[in-house]
Protein backbone atom coordinates (compact mmCIF):
# COMPACT_ATOMS: atom_id res chain seq x y z
CA UNK A 1 114.68 127.21 83.25
CA UNK A 2 118.43 127.12 82.19
CA UNK A 3 118.87 123.59 80.24
CA UNK A 4 122.49 123.38 81.13
CA UNK A 5 122.22 123.80 84.84
CA UNK A 6 119.02 122.37 86.27
CA UNK A 7 117.39 122.67 89.27
CA UNK A 8 117.99 120.22 92.03
CA UNK A 9 116.07 117.08 91.67
CA UNK A 10 114.00 117.69 94.34
CA UNK A 11 113.81 121.71 94.15
CA UNK A 12 110.49 122.33 92.26
CA UNK A 13 106.80 121.78 94.05
CA UNK A 14 105.39 121.92 90.52
CA UNK A 15 106.55 118.69 90.05
CA UNK A 16 104.83 117.12 93.15
CA UNK A 17 101.32 118.85 91.80
CA UNK A 18 102.20 117.75 88.48
CA UNK A 19 102.20 113.49 89.58
CA UNK A 20 99.18 114.52 91.48
CA UNK A 21 97.74 115.84 88.70
CA UNK A 22 98.87 112.73 86.55
CA UNK A 23 97.71 109.99 89.35
CA UNK A 24 94.18 111.91 89.47
CA UNK A 25 93.93 111.07 85.29
CA UNK A 26 93.89 114.61 84.35
CA UNK A 27 94.72 115.07 80.39
CA UNK A 28 98.31 116.43 79.69
CA UNK A 29 99.73 116.19 83.16
CA UNK A 30 101.37 113.49 82.33
CA UNK A 31 103.37 114.85 79.26
CA UNK A 32 103.37 118.33 81.48
CA UNK A 33 104.76 116.44 84.16
CA UNK A 34 107.72 115.14 81.42
CA UNK A 35 108.29 118.22 80.00
CA UNK A 36 108.49 119.43 83.64
CA UNK A 37 111.58 117.10 84.55
CA UNK A 38 113.24 116.18 81.36
CA UNK A 39 116.63 118.51 82.17
CA UNK A 40 116.69 117.12 85.57
CA UNK A 41 116.18 113.13 84.19
CA UNK A 42 119.06 114.05 81.72
CA UNK A 43 121.52 115.01 84.48
CA UNK A 44 120.57 112.29 86.16
CA UNK A 45 121.71 110.01 83.44
CA UNK A 46 124.65 112.27 82.98
CA UNK A 47 125.63 111.49 86.25
CA UNK A 48 125.26 107.71 86.04
CA UNK A 49 127.59 107.26 83.26
CA UNK A 50 130.07 110.04 84.59
CA UNK A 51 133.26 108.26 84.43
CA UNK A 52 131.97 104.63 83.16
CA UNK A 53 134.17 105.22 79.18
CA UNK A 54 132.28 101.71 78.51
CA UNK A 55 128.28 103.40 78.36
CA UNK A 56 127.06 102.78 75.60
CA UNK A 57 124.15 105.11 75.44
CA UNK A 58 124.72 108.69 75.84
CA UNK A 59 122.79 110.79 78.24
CA UNK A 60 119.28 111.66 76.33
CA UNK A 61 119.69 108.48 75.19
CA UNK A 62 119.29 107.07 78.45
CA UNK A 63 117.17 109.91 79.98
CA UNK A 64 114.60 108.92 77.07
CA UNK A 65 115.09 105.19 78.41
CA UNK A 66 114.42 106.45 81.45
CA UNK A 67 111.41 108.16 81.01
CA UNK A 68 109.75 105.10 79.19
CA UNK A 69 110.39 103.03 81.56
CA UNK A 70 109.12 105.21 83.85
CA UNK A 71 105.74 106.71 81.99
CA UNK A 72 104.75 102.55 81.29
CA UNK A 73 104.31 102.07 84.88
CA UNK A 74 101.92 102.81 86.88
CA UNK A 75 102.68 107.10 88.11
CA UNK A 76 102.53 105.46 92.16
CA UNK A 77 104.93 107.36 93.46
CA UNK A 78 104.58 110.08 96.60
CA UNK A 79 106.21 113.42 95.57
CA UNK A 80 108.98 114.56 93.18
CA UNK A 81 111.75 113.00 95.50
CA UNK A 82 110.78 109.21 95.07
CA UNK A 83 110.01 110.02 91.63
CA UNK A 84 113.63 111.01 91.27
CA UNK A 85 114.52 108.27 93.15
CA UNK A 86 112.48 105.74 91.12
CA UNK A 87 114.56 107.21 87.88
CA UNK A 88 117.70 106.97 89.48
CA UNK A 89 117.32 103.26 89.98
CA UNK A 90 115.70 102.92 85.93
CA UNK A 91 119.26 105.07 84.77
CA UNK A 92 121.13 102.59 87.33
CA UNK A 93 119.29 99.52 85.84
CA UNK A 94 119.11 100.27 82.34
CA UNK A 95 123.35 100.67 82.57
CA UNK A 96 123.28 96.99 84.13
CA UNK A 97 120.90 95.56 81.85
CA UNK A 98 123.55 96.66 78.48
CA UNK A 99 126.59 95.63 81.05
CA UNK A 100 125.02 92.94 81.42
CA UNK A 101 123.96 92.05 78.00
CA UNK A 102 127.60 93.10 76.24
CA UNK A 103 129.10 90.59 78.64
CA UNK A 104 126.45 87.82 77.90
CA UNK A 105 127.24 88.53 73.88
CA UNK A 106 131.33 88.56 74.74
CA UNK A 107 130.82 85.45 76.07
CA UNK A 108 129.19 83.65 73.07
CA UNK A 109 125.80 84.91 71.81
CA UNK A 110 126.00 82.46 69.02
CA UNK A 111 129.38 83.85 67.81
CA UNK A 112 131.98 80.90 66.43
CA UNK A 113 134.30 80.07 69.76
CA UNK A 114 137.85 82.17 69.99
CA UNK A 115 140.93 80.58 70.68
CA UNK A 116 142.35 80.20 73.90
CA UNK A 117 145.26 83.17 73.33
CA UNK A 118 142.91 85.26 71.59
CA UNK A 119 140.22 85.38 74.42
CA UNK A 120 143.33 86.17 76.55
CA UNK A 121 143.48 88.91 74.65
CA UNK A 122 140.05 90.33 75.66
CA UNK A 123 140.34 92.50 79.08
CA UNK A 124 137.87 92.82 81.10
CA UNK A 125 136.12 96.18 80.51
CA UNK A 126 133.54 98.80 82.29
CA UNK A 127 130.99 96.51 81.16
CA UNK A 128 131.72 93.81 84.69
CA UNK A 129 132.85 96.12 86.34
CA UNK A 130 128.96 97.83 86.88
CA UNK A 131 127.53 94.30 86.78
CA UNK A 132 129.96 93.67 90.46
CA UNK A 133 128.63 97.04 91.14
CA UNK A 134 125.16 96.43 90.89
CA UNK A 135 125.48 93.01 92.67
CA UNK A 136 127.18 94.60 95.26
CA UNK A 137 124.60 96.76 96.26
CA UNK A 138 122.01 94.26 96.10
CA UNK A 139 123.72 92.71 98.57
CA UNK A 140 123.92 95.95 100.66
CA UNK A 141 120.39 96.37 100.06
CA UNK A 142 119.15 93.66 101.55
CA UNK A 143 121.58 94.32 104.67
CA UNK A 144 120.53 97.61 104.88
CA UNK A 145 118.08 99.17 102.44
CA UNK A 146 118.70 102.88 103.35
CA UNK A 147 122.40 102.57 103.05
CA UNK A 148 122.03 101.66 99.40
CA UNK A 149 119.71 103.85 98.77
CA UNK A 150 122.39 106.71 99.81
CA UNK A 151 124.65 105.42 97.56
CA UNK A 152 122.71 105.05 94.70
CA UNK A 153 121.32 108.08 95.13
CA UNK A 154 124.61 110.00 95.17
CA UNK A 155 126.21 108.07 92.65
CA UNK A 156 123.65 107.42 90.04
CA UNK A 157 120.87 109.86 90.68
CA UNK A 158 123.07 112.88 91.97
CA UNK A 159 121.31 113.98 94.85
CA UNK A 160 122.95 116.05 97.36
CA UNK A 161 123.26 115.20 100.20
CA UNK A 162 120.31 117.98 101.81
CA UNK A 163 117.99 116.15 99.14
CA UNK A 164 119.12 113.14 100.51
CA UNK A 165 118.53 113.49 103.72
CA UNK A 166 114.99 115.72 102.59
CA UNK A 167 113.91 112.20 100.72
CA UNK A 168 114.56 109.58 103.29
CA UNK A 169 113.89 111.55 106.68
CA UNK A 170 116.89 112.00 107.42
CA UNK A 171 119.44 114.30 108.85
CA UNK A 172 122.57 115.11 106.60
CA UNK A 173 125.05 113.82 109.48
CA UNK A 174 122.79 110.51 108.46
CA UNK A 175 123.72 110.88 104.92
CA UNK A 176 126.93 111.27 105.58
CA UNK A 177 127.36 108.11 107.94
CA UNK A 178 125.57 105.76 105.13
CA UNK A 179 127.70 107.04 102.47
CA UNK A 180 130.94 106.65 104.46
CA UNK A 181 129.71 103.31 105.56
CA UNK A 182 128.27 101.85 102.21
CA UNK A 183 131.35 103.02 100.15
CA UNK A 184 133.15 101.06 101.99
CA UNK A 185 131.04 97.77 102.57
CA UNK A 186 131.20 98.17 98.26
CA UNK A 187 135.00 98.79 98.48
CA UNK A 188 135.50 95.43 100.66
CA UNK A 189 132.34 93.23 98.75
CA UNK A 190 134.46 94.73 95.25
CA UNK A 191 138.17 93.87 96.89
CA UNK A 192 136.63 90.12 97.70
């Protein structure tokens, strides 16, 4: 496999086989799974930080953190699509957690208070935007979980419309409608 051009997140049936072997407790299957998905996880990480100039993790570090979270949990994923959806969620959560931590630190974090004139010079950055997007996605998920999942898989997972349709067992036109609705809903929520 060419590392600079990994296959789509759900294109390799070997991933599902390795996942099943890991779930069955087969020695070495977890490490083989990590080897098989590593470049795809880095692609998800690259997609997740694209356009975020305030991201403090690079794609490799973000991919490693997502894999650490994944490997520390129960391997109860149904198939490769479910696995990559969980990885997309993990990368998003890592970025949001970092943004929340930096915002908390900005608001004090044990530091001496700043004067109001100095505080006014500090502009809102991508951390606040990341948290607002996460909050809006969470609100959308309570209203319509599938549409929120389509948005997340598209923007944080780098999934194609066809991959999302296959993973969610819906048609590509349904994915397109869900994505249009999700974008419009998020835009309205972020403008409020």
